[in-house]
Each structure stands twice: as C-alpha cells, then as structure tokens.
Amino acid sequence: MFEIHLRVSHTRVKVRFDYKVVRAGTSEVLILGHTVHACVNKDGRPTRAPDWLVAAMKGAATSGSTLPEGYHA
C-alpha cells in the first residue's frame, strides 16, 4: 500500500500539481513528480484563467493524502 500526497500552486495562467508517493505508514518516498497545466485560448496561446477556476483554486493549495475515503492505492 502507498499514500499519494498532493500540493497545488497556481497563477492566473497555470496550475502546478506536485506529487509525492510514500509507502503507507512510513516516510519512505517512492517517487516524486509534478505536472503543469496552462489555460490557453482557442488559438493555443496562454490566457488568464476564468474567474470561476481561480475561485475554485483558492482553497486548493493543500498537502496530504488525496485519495477519497474508502479508496486504496
């Protein structure tokens, strides 16, 4: 079993998710990774995120296990 920890950071244009997978019940790091997601317009050019997305992300800078209760990795 393992735990997935997630940290979210963002600007008006992009969102970065940092992932850390650890062995369950320990601090042993198995893997680290990140992804970056950008908002783009219909022409593929970077653009500001819509207000609804910025509002949704305000509380998203978190750390800890991200699997819903009842799910197991």
N, C-alpha and C. Protein backbone atom coordinates (compact mmCIF):
# COMPACT_ATOMS: atom_id res chain seq x y z
N MET A 1 0.84 -1.17 0.00
CA MET A 1 0.00 0.00 0.00
C MET A 1 0.89 1.25 0.00
N PHE A 2 0.35 2.31 -0.55
CA PHE A 2 1.08 3.57 -0.56
C PHE A 2 0.11 4.72 -0.42
N GLU A 3 0.65 5.89 -0.12
CA GLU A 3 -0.14 7.11 0.02
C GLU A 3 0.35 8.11 -1.02
N ILE A 4 -0.58 8.87 -1.57
CA ILE A 4 -0.24 9.91 -2.54
C ILE A 4 -0.51 11.26 -1.90
N HIS A 5 0.53 12.07 -1.81
CA HIS A 5 0.40 13.42 -1.26
C HIS A 5 0.44 14.41 -2.42
N LEU A 6 -0.37 15.43 -2.33
CA LEU A 6 -0.50 16.40 -3.42
C LEU A 6 -0.39 17.81 -2.87
N ARG A 7 0.38 18.64 -3.58
CA ARG A 7 0.44 20.07 -3.27
C ARG A 7 0.10 20.81 -4.56
N VAL A 8 -0.74 21.82 -4.45
CA VAL A 8 -1.20 22.59 -5.60
C VAL A 8 -0.74 24.03 -5.46
N SER A 9 -0.16 24.57 -6.53
CA SER A 9 0.15 26.00 -6.58
C SER A 9 -0.33 26.52 -7.93
N HIS A 10 -0.64 27.82 -7.98
CA HIS A 10 -1.20 28.33 -9.23
C HIS A 10 -0.97 29.82 -9.40
N THR A 11 -1.04 30.23 -10.65
CA THR A 11 -1.08 31.64 -11.03
C THR A 11 -2.38 31.83 -11.81
N ARG A 12 -2.57 32.98 -12.41
CA ARG A 12 -3.77 33.20 -13.22
C ARG A 12 -3.72 32.42 -14.53
N VAL A 13 -2.55 31.93 -14.93
CA VAL A 13 -2.41 31.25 -16.22
C VAL A 13 -2.15 29.75 -16.06
N LYS A 14 -1.45 29.33 -15.01
CA LYS A 14 -1.10 27.92 -14.91
C LYS A 14 -1.31 27.37 -13.50
N VAL A 15 -1.45 26.04 -13.45
CA VAL A 15 -1.61 25.31 -12.20
C VAL A 15 -0.53 24.23 -12.16
N ARG A 16 0.15 24.12 -11.04
CA ARG A 16 1.18 23.08 -10.87
C ARG A 16 0.73 22.14 -9.76
N PHE A 17 0.77 20.84 -10.05
CA PHE A 17 0.49 19.79 -9.08
C PHE A 17 1.80 19.07 -8.78
N ASP A 18 2.22 19.07 -7.51
CA ASP A 18 3.40 18.33 -7.08
C ASP A 18 2.92 17.07 -6.35
N TYR A 19 3.44 15.92 -6.76
CA TYR A 19 3.03 14.63 -6.22
C TYR A 19 4.18 13.99 -5.46
N LYS A 20 3.85 13.34 -4.34
CA LYS A 20 4.83 12.54 -3.61
C LYS A 20 4.13 11.25 -3.20
N VAL A 21 4.71 10.13 -3.61
CA VAL A 21 4.16 8.83 -3.27
C VAL A 21 5.07 8.22 -2.21
N VAL A 22 4.47 7.83 -1.06
CA VAL A 22 5.23 7.24 0.04
C VAL A 22 4.64 5.88 0.39
N ARG A 23 5.48 5.03 0.96
CA ARG A 23 5.00 3.75 1.45
C ARG A 23 4.08 4.02 2.64
N ALA A 24 2.88 3.42 2.65
CA ALA A 24 1.88 3.67 3.68
C ALA A 24 2.46 3.42 5.07
N GLY A 25 2.18 4.36 5.97
CA GLY A 25 2.61 4.24 7.35
C GLY A 25 4.07 4.56 7.59
N THR A 26 4.78 5.01 6.55
CA THR A 26 6.19 5.37 6.69
C THR A 26 6.42 6.72 6.03
N SER A 27 7.65 7.20 6.12
CA SER A 27 8.02 8.42 5.40
C SER A 27 8.89 8.08 4.19
N GLU A 28 8.96 6.80 3.82
CA GLU A 28 9.79 6.38 2.69
C GLU A 28 9.21 6.88 1.38
N VAL A 29 9.92 7.77 0.72
CA VAL A 29 9.47 8.34 -0.56
C VAL A 29 9.77 7.34 -1.67
N LEU A 30 8.73 6.97 -2.41
CA LEU A 30 8.88 6.04 -3.52
C LEU A 30 9.09 6.77 -4.84
N ILE A 31 8.42 7.90 -5.00
CA ILE A 31 8.54 8.66 -6.25
C ILE A 31 8.06 10.09 -6.02
N LEU A 32 8.67 11.01 -6.75
CA LEU A 32 8.25 12.42 -6.78
C LEU A 32 7.92 12.78 -8.22
N GLY A 33 6.97 13.68 -8.40
CA GLY A 33 6.65 14.13 -9.75
C GLY A 33 5.84 15.40 -9.72
N HIS A 34 5.66 16.00 -10.88
CA HIS A 34 4.79 17.17 -10.98
C HIS A 34 4.25 17.27 -12.40
N THR A 35 3.13 17.96 -12.50
CA THR A 35 2.57 18.31 -13.81
C THR A 35 2.19 19.78 -13.76
N VAL A 36 2.26 20.43 -14.92
CA VAL A 36 1.87 21.83 -15.04
C VAL A 36 0.79 21.92 -16.11
N HIS A 37 -0.31 22.58 -15.77
CA HIS A 37 -1.43 22.72 -16.68
C HIS A 37 -1.63 24.22 -16.94
N ALA A 38 -1.78 24.59 -18.19
CA ALA A 38 -1.92 26.00 -18.55
C ALA A 38 -3.28 26.27 -19.18
N CYS A 39 -3.78 27.46 -18.97
CA CYS A 39 -5.00 27.92 -19.64
C CYS A 39 -4.59 28.53 -20.97
N VAL A 40 -5.26 28.11 -22.03
CA VAL A 40 -4.96 28.65 -23.36
C VAL A 40 -6.26 29.03 -24.04
N ASN A 41 -6.16 29.94 -25.01
CA ASN A 41 -7.34 30.34 -25.76
C ASN A 41 -7.52 29.40 -26.96
N LYS A 42 -8.50 29.67 -27.79
CA LYS A 42 -8.79 28.77 -28.92
C LYS A 42 -7.66 28.70 -29.93
N ASP A 43 -6.74 29.68 -29.88
CA ASP A 43 -5.58 29.69 -30.77
C ASP A 43 -4.36 29.01 -30.14
N GLY A 44 -4.53 28.49 -28.91
CA GLY A 44 -3.44 27.82 -28.23
C GLY A 44 -2.47 28.75 -27.52
N ARG A 45 -2.83 30.02 -27.40
CA ARG A 45 -1.96 30.99 -26.72
C ARG A 45 -2.34 31.08 -25.24
N PRO A 46 -1.34 31.25 -24.35
CA PRO A 46 -1.64 31.38 -22.92
C PRO A 46 -2.62 32.51 -22.66
N THR A 47 -3.54 32.26 -21.73
CA THR A 47 -4.54 33.26 -21.37
C THR A 47 -4.85 33.15 -19.88
N ARG A 48 -5.44 34.17 -19.34
CA ARG A 48 -5.82 34.16 -17.92
C ARG A 48 -6.91 33.13 -17.68
N ALA A 49 -6.84 32.51 -16.52
CA ALA A 49 -7.86 31.54 -16.14
C ALA A 49 -9.18 32.27 -15.89
N PRO A 50 -10.31 31.61 -16.17
CA PRO A 50 -11.59 32.23 -15.88
C PRO A 50 -11.77 32.42 -14.36
N ASP A 51 -12.55 33.40 -13.98
CA ASP A 51 -12.75 33.72 -12.56
C ASP A 51 -13.24 32.52 -11.76
N TRP A 52 -14.12 31.69 -12.33
CA TRP A 52 -14.65 30.54 -11.59
C TRP A 52 -13.53 29.55 -11.24
N LEU A 53 -12.52 29.41 -12.13
CA LEU A 53 -11.42 28.49 -11.86
C LEU A 53 -10.50 29.07 -10.78
N VAL A 54 -10.21 30.35 -10.85
CA VAL A 54 -9.37 31.00 -9.84
C VAL A 54 -10.04 30.87 -8.48
N ALA A 55 -11.35 31.09 -8.41
CA ALA A 55 -12.08 30.97 -7.15
C ALA A 55 -12.01 29.54 -6.61
N ALA A 56 -12.15 28.55 -7.49
CA ALA A 56 -12.10 27.15 -7.07
C ALA A 56 -10.71 26.77 -6.56
N MET A 57 -9.67 27.40 -7.08
CA MET A 57 -8.30 27.06 -6.70
C MET A 57 -7.86 27.74 -5.40
N LYS A 58 -8.60 28.72 -4.92
CA LYS A 58 -8.18 29.47 -3.73
C LYS A 58 -7.91 28.56 -2.54
N GLY A 59 -8.72 27.54 -2.34
CA GLY A 59 -8.52 26.63 -1.22
C GLY A 59 -7.78 25.37 -1.59
N ALA A 60 -7.22 25.33 -2.80
CA ALA A 60 -6.65 24.08 -3.29
C ALA A 60 -5.18 23.88 -2.94
N ALA A 61 -4.51 24.86 -2.37
CA ALA A 61 -3.10 24.68 -2.02
C ALA A 61 -3.04 23.80 -0.78
N THR A 62 -2.94 22.50 -1.00
CA THR A 62 -3.05 21.54 0.09
C THR A 62 -1.89 20.57 0.08
N SER A 63 -1.79 19.82 1.13
CA SER A 63 -0.83 18.73 1.22
C SER A 63 -1.47 17.63 2.03
N GLY A 64 -1.21 16.40 1.68
CA GLY A 64 -1.75 15.27 2.43
C GLY A 64 -2.26 14.21 1.49
N SER A 65 -2.83 13.17 2.06
CA SER A 65 -3.37 12.08 1.26
C SER A 65 -4.54 12.60 0.43
N THR A 66 -4.58 12.24 -0.84
CA THR A 66 -5.58 12.80 -1.73
C THR A 66 -6.63 11.79 -2.18
N LEU A 67 -6.50 10.53 -1.76
CA LEU A 67 -7.49 9.55 -2.17
C LEU A 67 -8.72 9.67 -1.28
N PRO A 68 -9.92 9.64 -1.88
CA PRO A 68 -11.13 9.72 -1.07
C PRO A 68 -11.22 8.55 -0.11
N GLU A 69 -11.93 8.74 0.99
CA GLU A 69 -12.11 7.69 1.98
C GLU A 69 -12.69 6.45 1.32
N GLY A 70 -12.17 5.30 1.63
CA GLY A 70 -12.65 4.06 1.06
C GLY A 70 -11.84 3.59 -0.14
N TYR A 71 -11.00 4.47 -0.71
CA TYR A 71 -10.17 4.10 -1.84
C TYR A 71 -8.81 3.67 -1.31
N HIS A 72 -8.20 2.72 -1.97
CA HIS A 72 -6.88 2.24 -1.58
C HIS A 72 -5.96 2.25 -2.79
N ALA A 73 -4.74 2.67 -2.57
CA ALA A 73 -3.76 2.69 -3.66
C ALA A 73 -3.02 1.38 -3.72
